[in-house]
């Protein structure tokens, strides 16, 4: 029931459901304590990530420093701890529960996209006293939000095939739905991410051998270099990909303006960051009502937590790279690397780490060796 409440899209959320979720969070915390749950290195670093964010926000007395910030972050932490523990203890039933919850909401979301191509509802953005614009919203929010949950469903569907010997066809179906959904909402970045995740789960499911041999640490280095090049405006090498594949202009739909402004903010507090900034304050600092964050995960970490938070995130990513490297089968290793690359690409253009689905995505990638290959050996 707790997983159900955490996976519940905002469209279905209500004060009563939030209260129930909060009570269940306490119950999960007590349960984890009673079973003497021992967090993995990944979870310890994740807890440090959220703890630092909360601490620096309260130290600076930001508007976002309230009980809601603590509860929302604790929910993500306890959800991840519960999933980690249950996947180690009862992987078959846990995977089934997660699959049925996710497939239910994904089908509802996909139906809302097909039936209401212009949006299930619209949110109005007021620019000034003369003009405003509307943004299409569906069950999982605007066009960029849903790819996280769809990607997690694809990974869970593959794990269900591995653990419970279910049909391979469902893996292809969920992957295909994710690509079609991103295309229907016309999100170019999300479409690329969905394709990469689908390629990854195809390798995991069907490919027994491959000549591709990517280095997980090298992927991190390349991601870092590309991010820095984009942020510094050195985009000439990326222009064919950005304009030809992503169909974006070289301002990345206005993101470059937000990047320039947030770099100035980072320069004023480079070590500790600004803490979590609420939407109203963020639009004032970025001087644009269109942006409540920098639309780049690295910049957002630097802005919120400075070099310290980026260091913690780097340790998380290095831990994931180390565990991916342990996967003995090259084809399976390549598959999970494609899934990981999809997430990293999205992190260049969006802020993802405030979403529980992203952390589930990272958790599953990190523990793939332990959940699957160590289990097979034992």
Protein backbone atom coordinates (compact mmCIF):
# COMPACT_ATOMS: atom_id res chain seq x y z
CA UNK A 1 0.00 0.00 0.00
CA UNK A 2 2.90 2.35 0.77
CA UNK A 3 4.42 1.67 -2.67
CA UNK A 4 1.01 2.33 -4.21
CA UNK A 5 0.79 5.74 -2.53
CA UNK A 6 4.35 6.64 -3.55
CA UNK A 7 3.75 5.66 -7.18
CA UNK A 8 0.47 7.56 -7.29
CA UNK A 9 0.56 10.31 -9.97
CA UNK A 10 -0.09 13.84 -8.77
CA UNK A 11 -3.33 13.87 -10.78
CA UNK A 12 -4.86 11.39 -8.29
CA UNK A 13 -3.33 12.91 -5.19
CA UNK A 14 -5.55 14.29 -2.42
CA UNK A 15 -5.08 15.55 1.16
CA UNK A 16 -6.48 12.29 2.52
CA UNK A 17 -4.10 10.21 0.41
CA UNK A 18 -1.19 12.40 1.50
CA UNK A 19 -2.12 11.88 5.16
CA UNK A 20 -2.38 8.10 4.65
CA UNK A 21 0.98 8.13 2.87
CA UNK A 22 2.58 10.02 5.76
CA UNK A 23 1.24 7.54 8.31
CA UNK A 24 2.47 4.63 6.20
CA UNK A 25 5.89 6.24 5.94
CA UNK A 26 6.18 6.08 9.73
CA UNK A 27 5.06 2.45 9.61
CA UNK A 28 7.70 1.62 7.00
CA UNK A 29 10.38 3.33 9.11
CA UNK A 30 9.38 1.22 12.14
CA UNK A 31 9.34 -1.93 10.00
CA UNK A 32 12.82 -1.28 8.59
CA UNK A 33 14.12 -0.69 12.12
CA UNK A 34 12.50 -3.89 13.41
CA UNK A 35 14.06 -6.06 10.69
CA UNK A 36 17.45 -4.41 11.30
CA UNK A 37 17.69 -3.14 7.74
CA UNK A 38 21.26 -2.35 6.71
CA UNK A 39 21.49 0.19 3.88
CA UNK A 40 23.85 -0.46 0.99
CA UNK A 41 26.58 1.98 0.04
CA UNK A 42 24.24 3.41 -2.59
CA UNK A 43 21.55 4.06 0.01
CA UNK A 44 24.01 5.56 2.52
CA UNK A 45 25.17 8.04 -0.11
CA UNK A 46 21.58 8.75 -1.14
CA UNK A 47 20.64 9.48 2.48
CA UNK A 48 23.66 11.82 2.71
CA UNK A 49 22.47 13.56 -0.47
CA UNK A 50 19.02 14.33 0.92
CA UNK A 51 20.28 15.04 4.45
CA UNK A 52 22.71 17.66 3.18
CA UNK A 53 20.03 19.30 1.01
CA UNK A 54 17.65 19.56 3.97
CA UNK A 55 20.36 20.79 6.33
CA UNK A 56 21.69 23.56 4.06
CA UNK A 57 18.14 24.71 3.30
CA UNK A 58 17.35 25.12 6.99
CA UNK A 59 20.72 26.73 7.73
CA UNK A 60 19.96 29.46 5.19
CA UNK A 61 16.34 29.80 6.43
CA UNK A 62 14.94 29.51 2.91
CA UNK A 63 11.20 29.67 2.32
CA UNK A 64 11.32 26.00 1.34
CA UNK A 65 12.66 25.09 4.81
CA UNK A 66 9.56 23.58 6.36
CA UNK A 67 8.12 20.25 7.47
CA UNK A 68 6.90 19.50 3.94
CA UNK A 69 10.49 19.50 2.63
CA UNK A 70 11.52 17.01 5.32
CA UNK A 71 8.53 14.73 4.77
CA UNK A 72 8.78 14.70 0.96
CA UNK A 73 12.46 13.76 1.08
CA UNK A 74 11.95 11.18 3.83
CA UNK A 75 9.26 9.55 1.70
CA UNK A 76 11.75 9.03 -1.13
CA UNK A 77 14.39 7.70 1.28
CA UNK A 78 12.07 5.21 3.01
CA UNK A 79 10.57 4.14 -0.32
CA UNK A 80 14.05 3.33 -1.66
CA UNK A 81 15.06 1.54 1.54
CA UNK A 82 11.87 -0.54 1.46
CA UNK A 83 12.32 -1.45 -2.21
CA UNK A 84 15.98 -2.36 -1.65
CA UNK A 85 15.15 -4.55 1.34
CA UNK A 86 12.16 -6.26 -0.27
CA UNK A 87 14.00 -6.94 -3.53
CA UNK A 88 16.70 -8.72 -1.55
CA UNK A 89 14.26 -10.65 0.63
CA UNK A 90 11.28 -11.40 -1.64
CA UNK A 91 12.25 -10.31 -5.18
CA UNK A 92 9.53 -12.24 -7.04
CA UNK A 93 6.53 -10.81 -5.21
CA UNK A 94 8.07 -7.33 -4.91
CA UNK A 95 8.68 -7.13 -8.66
CA UNK A 96 5.12 -8.30 -9.34
CA UNK A 97 3.63 -5.66 -7.03
CA UNK A 98 5.71 -2.88 -8.57
CA UNK A 99 4.85 -4.09 -12.07
CA UNK A 100 1.08 -4.11 -11.55
CA UNK A 101 1.08 -0.69 -9.88
CA UNK A 102 3.17 0.89 -12.63
CA UNK A 103 1.43 -0.80 -15.56
CA UNK A 104 -1.94 0.39 -14.23
CA UNK A 105 -0.94 4.05 -14.07
CA UNK A 106 1.05 3.92 -17.32
CA UNK A 107 -1.96 2.50 -19.19
CA UNK A 108 -4.18 5.23 -17.72
CA UNK A 109 -1.62 7.89 -18.64
CA UNK A 110 -1.17 6.51 -22.16
CA UNK A 111 -4.95 6.42 -22.65
CA UNK A 112 -5.17 10.07 -21.53
CA UNK A 113 -2.56 10.99 -24.17
CA UNK A 114 -4.34 9.11 -26.96
CA UNK A 115 -7.83 10.35 -26.05
CA UNK A 116 -6.77 13.92 -25.29
CA UNK A 117 -3.82 14.72 -27.63
CA UNK A 118 -4.03 18.43 -26.75
CA UNK A 119 -3.92 17.71 -23.04
CA UNK A 120 -6.28 16.17 -20.49
CA UNK A 121 -6.28 19.64 -18.97
CA UNK A 122 -4.30 22.87 -19.36
CA UNK A 123 -2.28 24.93 -16.93
CA UNK A 124 -2.11 28.65 -17.62
CA UNK A 125 1.21 30.48 -17.54
CA UNK A 126 0.80 34.24 -17.07
CA UNK A 127 3.77 36.09 -18.57
CA UNK A 128 2.64 39.66 -17.97
CA UNK A 129 -0.49 41.80 -18.02
CA UNK A 130 -0.76 41.42 -21.81
CA UNK A 131 -0.04 37.78 -22.52
CA UNK A 132 -0.25 34.25 -21.18
CA UNK A 133 0.23 30.70 -22.47
CA UNK A 134 -1.16 27.26 -21.70
CA UNK A 135 0.70 23.99 -21.21
CA UNK A 136 -0.86 20.60 -21.86
CA UNK A 137 -1.04 18.25 -18.88
CA UNK A 138 -1.91 14.56 -18.62
CA UNK A 139 -2.03 11.98 -15.80
CA UNK A 140 1.74 12.12 -15.33
CA UNK A 141 1.95 15.88 -15.78
CA UNK A 142 3.48 17.76 -18.71
CA UNK A 143 5.26 16.27 -21.69
CA UNK A 144 8.65 15.83 -19.98
CA UNK A 145 7.55 14.19 -16.72
CA UNK A 146 6.35 10.74 -17.72
CA UNK A 147 9.53 9.26 -19.19
CA UNK A 148 10.89 8.44 -15.70
CA UNK A 149 7.96 6.20 -14.77
CA UNK A 150 7.78 4.62 -18.22
CA UNK A 151 11.50 3.80 -18.05
CA UNK A 152 11.15 2.25 -14.59
CA UNK A 153 8.26 0.13 -15.90
CA UNK A 154 10.46 -1.16 -18.75
CA UNK A 155 13.18 -2.20 -16.29
CA UNK A 156 10.67 -3.77 -13.89
CA UNK A 157 9.06 -5.70 -16.76
CA UNK A 158 12.44 -7.15 -17.67
CA UNK A 159 13.14 -8.08 -14.04
CA UNK A 160 9.72 -9.74 -13.92
CA UNK A 161 10.72 -11.82 -16.93
CA UNK A 162 13.99 -12.79 -15.19
CA UNK A 163 12.58 -13.53 -11.73
CA UNK A 164 9.16 -14.96 -12.60
CA UNK A 165 9.83 -16.36 -16.06
CA UNK A 166 7.17 -14.19 -17.67
CA UNK A 167 6.80 -13.60 -21.41
CA UNK A 168 9.47 -11.63 -23.25
CA UNK A 169 6.74 -10.03 -25.35
CA UNK A 170 5.61 -7.81 -22.46
CA UNK A 171 9.11 -6.30 -22.35
CA UNK A 172 8.74 -5.21 -25.97
CA UNK A 173 5.19 -3.95 -25.39
CA UNK A 174 6.08 -1.70 -22.44
CA UNK A 175 9.16 -0.39 -24.27
CA UNK A 176 7.14 0.31 -27.40
CA UNK A 177 4.43 2.11 -25.41
CA UNK A 178 7.05 4.35 -23.81
CA UNK A 179 8.47 5.42 -27.19
CA UNK A 180 5.03 6.05 -28.70
CA UNK A 181 3.91 8.04 -25.64
CA UNK A 182 6.94 10.34 -25.79
CA UNK A 183 6.41 10.87 -29.52
CA UNK A 184 2.71 11.67 -29.03
CA UNK A 185 3.45 14.37 -26.45
CA UNK A 186 6.19 15.70 -28.79
CA UNK A 187 9.03 15.61 -26.30
CA UNK A 188 12.20 15.11 -28.34
CA UNK A 189 14.52 14.56 -25.38
CA UNK A 190 12.13 12.13 -23.69
CA UNK A 191 11.76 10.23 -26.99
CA UNK A 192 15.54 9.79 -27.24
CA UNK A 193 15.62 8.62 -23.61
CA UNK A 194 12.78 6.14 -24.21
CA UNK A 195 14.56 4.75 -27.29
CA UNK A 196 17.82 4.27 -25.36
CA UNK A 197 16.02 2.54 -22.49
CA UNK A 198 14.18 0.32 -24.98
CA UNK A 199 17.46 -0.60 -26.70
CA UNK A 200 18.86 -1.42 -23.28
CA UNK A 201 16.05 -3.74 -22.22
CA UNK A 202 16.17 -5.36 -25.70
CA UNK A 203 19.83 -6.19 -25.11
CA UNK A 204 19.01 -7.46 -21.63
CA UNK A 205 16.20 -9.66 -22.91
CA UNK A 206 17.22 -10.91 -26.34
CA UNK A 207 20.92 -10.35 -27.03
CA UNK A 208 23.24 -13.09 -25.83
CA UNK A 209 26.41 -11.70 -27.38
CA UNK A 210 27.62 -8.31 -28.57
CA UNK A 211 30.80 -6.73 -29.87
CA UNK A 212 30.04 -3.49 -28.03
CA UNK A 213 32.26 -3.02 -25.01
CA UNK A 214 31.65 0.31 -23.23
CA UNK A 215 33.53 1.41 -20.13
CA UNK A 216 31.15 2.52 -17.37
CA UNK A 217 33.61 5.01 -15.93
CA UNK A 218 34.26 6.32 -19.44
CA UNK A 219 30.53 6.93 -19.85
CA UNK A 220 30.61 9.16 -16.76
CA UNK A 221 33.63 11.09 -18.08
CA UNK A 222 31.99 11.63 -21.49
CA UNK A 223 28.76 12.75 -19.81
CA UNK A 224 30.69 15.26 -17.73
CA UNK A 225 32.60 16.60 -20.74
CA UNK A 226 29.46 16.98 -22.88
CA UNK A 227 27.65 18.73 -20.03
CA UNK A 228 30.51 21.20 -19.54
CA UNK A 229 30.76 21.87 -23.31
CA UNK A 230 27.04 22.62 -23.53
CA UNK A 231 27.04 24.84 -20.46
CA UNK A 232 30.06 26.79 -21.71
CA UNK A 233 28.41 27.34 -25.08
CA UNK A 234 30.83 25.16 -27.06
CA UNK A 235 28.02 23.58 -29.08
CA UNK A 236 29.39 23.52 -32.63
CA UNK A 237 30.24 19.82 -32.42
CA UNK A 238 26.80 19.06 -31.00
CA UNK A 239 24.82 21.15 -33.51
CA UNK A 240 24.10 18.28 -35.97
CA UNK A 241 22.77 16.09 -33.15
CA UNK A 242 20.81 18.83 -31.39
CA UNK A 243 19.17 20.27 -34.50
CA UNK A 244 18.99 17.11 -36.59
CA UNK A 245 18.04 14.48 -33.99
CA UNK A 246 16.55 16.39 -31.06
CA UNK A 247 15.01 19.08 -33.30
CA UNK A 248 15.96 21.82 -30.83
CA UNK A 249 17.55 25.18 -31.49
CA UNK A 250 20.99 25.84 -30.03
CA UNK A 251 19.46 27.71 -27.09
CA UNK A 252 17.86 24.35 -26.16
CA UNK A 253 14.39 25.92 -26.05
CA UNK A 254 15.62 28.87 -24.03
CA UNK A 255 17.50 26.78 -21.47
CA UNK A 256 20.83 28.45 -22.23
CA UNK A 257 19.51 31.71 -20.73
CA UNK A 258 18.67 29.94 -17.47
CA UNK A 259 22.10 28.27 -17.49
CA UNK A 260 23.87 31.61 -17.81
CA UNK A 261 21.92 33.13 -14.94
CA UNK A 262 22.28 30.20 -12.57
CA UNK A 263 26.05 30.11 -13.16
CA UNK A 264 26.21 33.61 -11.70
CA UNK A 265 24.21 32.44 -8.67
CA UNK A 266 26.49 29.43 -8.23
CA UNK A 267 29.55 31.68 -8.33
CA UNK A 268 28.30 33.54 -5.25
CA UNK A 269 27.98 30.34 -3.15
CA UNK A 270 30.12 27.71 -4.90
CA UNK A 271 30.95 25.45 -1.94
CA UNK A 272 27.73 25.04 0.07
CA UNK A 273 25.09 26.16 -2.45
CA UNK A 274 21.82 28.00 -1.84
CA UNK A 275 19.78 25.12 -0.44
CA UNK A 276 16.39 24.16 -1.87
CA UNK A 277 14.76 27.22 -3.44
CA UNK A 278 10.96 27.45 -3.76
CA UNK A 279 9.36 28.14 -7.15
CA UNK A 280 8.54 31.78 -6.53
CA UNK A 281 12.06 32.61 -5.34
CA UNK A 282 13.59 30.61 -8.21
CA UNK A 283 11.70 32.52 -10.90
CA UNK A 284 12.88 35.77 -9.30
CA UNK A 285 16.50 34.65 -9.15
CA UNK A 286 16.46 33.27 -12.70
CA UNK A 287 14.53 36.37 -13.87
CA UNK A 288 12.11 34.28 -15.90
CA UNK A 289 8.66 33.01 -14.98
CA UNK A 290 9.24 30.13 -17.41
CA UNK A 291 11.96 28.54 -15.28
CA UNK A 292 11.78 27.35 -11.69
CA UNK A 293 15.03 25.37 -12.06
CA UNK A 294 18.10 25.43 -14.36
CA UNK A 295 16.90 22.49 -16.51
CA UNK A 296 20.25 20.79 -15.98
CA UNK A 297 20.91 18.36 -13.15
CA UNK A 298 24.55 19.27 -12.59
CA UNK A 299 23.75 22.99 -12.41
CA UNK A 300 20.82 22.31 -10.09
CA UNK A 301 23.07 20.35 -7.72
CA UNK A 302 25.66 23.14 -7.77
CA UNK A 303 22.96 25.73 -7.18
CA UNK A 304 21.26 23.87 -4.35
CA UNK A 305 24.22 22.19 -2.67
CA UNK A 306 27.40 23.54 -4.20
CA UNK A 307 30.54 21.49 -4.67
CA UNK A 308 29.68 19.36 -1.62
CA UNK A 309 26.42 18.07 -3.12
CA UNK A 310 28.06 17.46 -6.52
CA UNK A 311 30.76 15.46 -4.71
CA UNK A 312 28.10 13.27 -3.05
CA UNK A 313 26.30 12.79 -6.37
CA UNK A 314 29.63 11.88 -8.01
CA UNK A 315 30.19 9.17 -5.40
CA UNK A 316 26.70 7.80 -6.12
CA UNK A 317 27.42 7.67 -9.85
CA UNK A 318 30.85 6.09 -9.32
CA UNK A 319 29.22 3.44 -7.12
CA UNK A 320 26.74 2.68 -9.91
CA UNK A 321 29.54 2.52 -12.49
CA UNK A 322 31.48 0.11 -10.26
CA UNK A 323 28.49 -2.22 -9.88
CA UNK A 324 27.69 -2.15 -13.60
CA UNK A 325 31.28 -3.15 -14.29
CA UNK A 326 30.79 -6.28 -12.15
CA UNK A 327 28.14 -7.68 -14.53
CA UNK A 328 29.96 -10.61 -16.20
CA UNK A 329 27.86 -10.90 -19.35
CA UNK A 330 28.95 -8.24 -21.86
CA UNK A 331 25.55 -8.09 -23.57
CA UNK A 332 23.72 -7.61 -20.27
CA UNK A 333 26.30 -5.04 -19.18
CA UNK A 334 25.82 -3.15 -22.44
CA UNK A 335 22.05 -3.26 -22.01
CA UNK A 336 22.11 -1.68 -18.56
CA UNK A 337 24.63 0.89 -19.81
CA UNK A 338 22.15 1.99 -22.49
CA UNK A 339 19.48 2.38 -19.80
CA UNK A 340 21.91 4.43 -17.73
CA UNK A 341 22.97 6.60 -20.67
CA UNK A 342 19.30 7.41 -21.28
CA UNK A 343 19.02 8.79 -17.75
CA UNK A 344 22.29 10.75 -18.07
CA UNK A 345 21.16 12.38 -21.32
CA UNK A 346 17.92 13.49 -19.69
CA UNK A 347 19.95 14.96 -16.83
CA UNK A 348 21.62 17.34 -19.31
CA UNK A 349 18.29 19.00 -20.13
CA UNK A 350 16.11 18.37 -17.08
CA UNK A 351 16.25 18.27 -13.27
CA UNK A 352 15.37 14.71 -12.26
CA UNK A 353 16.54 14.06 -8.71
CA UNK A 354 13.48 15.52 -7.03
CA UNK A 355 11.42 12.67 -8.48
CA UNK A 356 11.12 9.31 -6.74
CA UNK A 357 11.02 7.46 -10.06
CA UNK A 358 14.53 8.68 -10.94
CA UNK A 359 15.93 7.30 -7.70
CA UNK A 360 14.17 3.96 -8.29
CA UNK A 361 15.75 3.98 -11.75
CA UNK A 362 19.21 4.54 -10.19
CA UNK A 363 18.57 1.95 -7.47
CA UNK A 364 17.68 -0.76 -9.97
CA UNK A 365 20.67 0.02 -12.18
CA UNK A 366 22.99 -0.01 -9.18
CA UNK A 367 21.71 -3.31 -7.79
CA UNK A 368 21.30 -5.22 -11.04
CA UNK A 369 24.42 -7.31 -10.38
CA UNK A 370 23.34 -8.13 -6.84
CA UNK A 371 19.66 -8.72 -7.64
CA UNK A 372 20.28 -10.92 -10.67
CA UNK A 373 23.77 -12.35 -11.01
CA UNK A 374 24.69 -12.96 -7.37
CA UNK A 375 21.25 -14.54 -6.96
CA UNK A 376 21.90 -16.88 -9.90
CA UNK A 377 25.26 -17.95 -8.45
CA UNK A 378 23.77 -18.60 -5.00
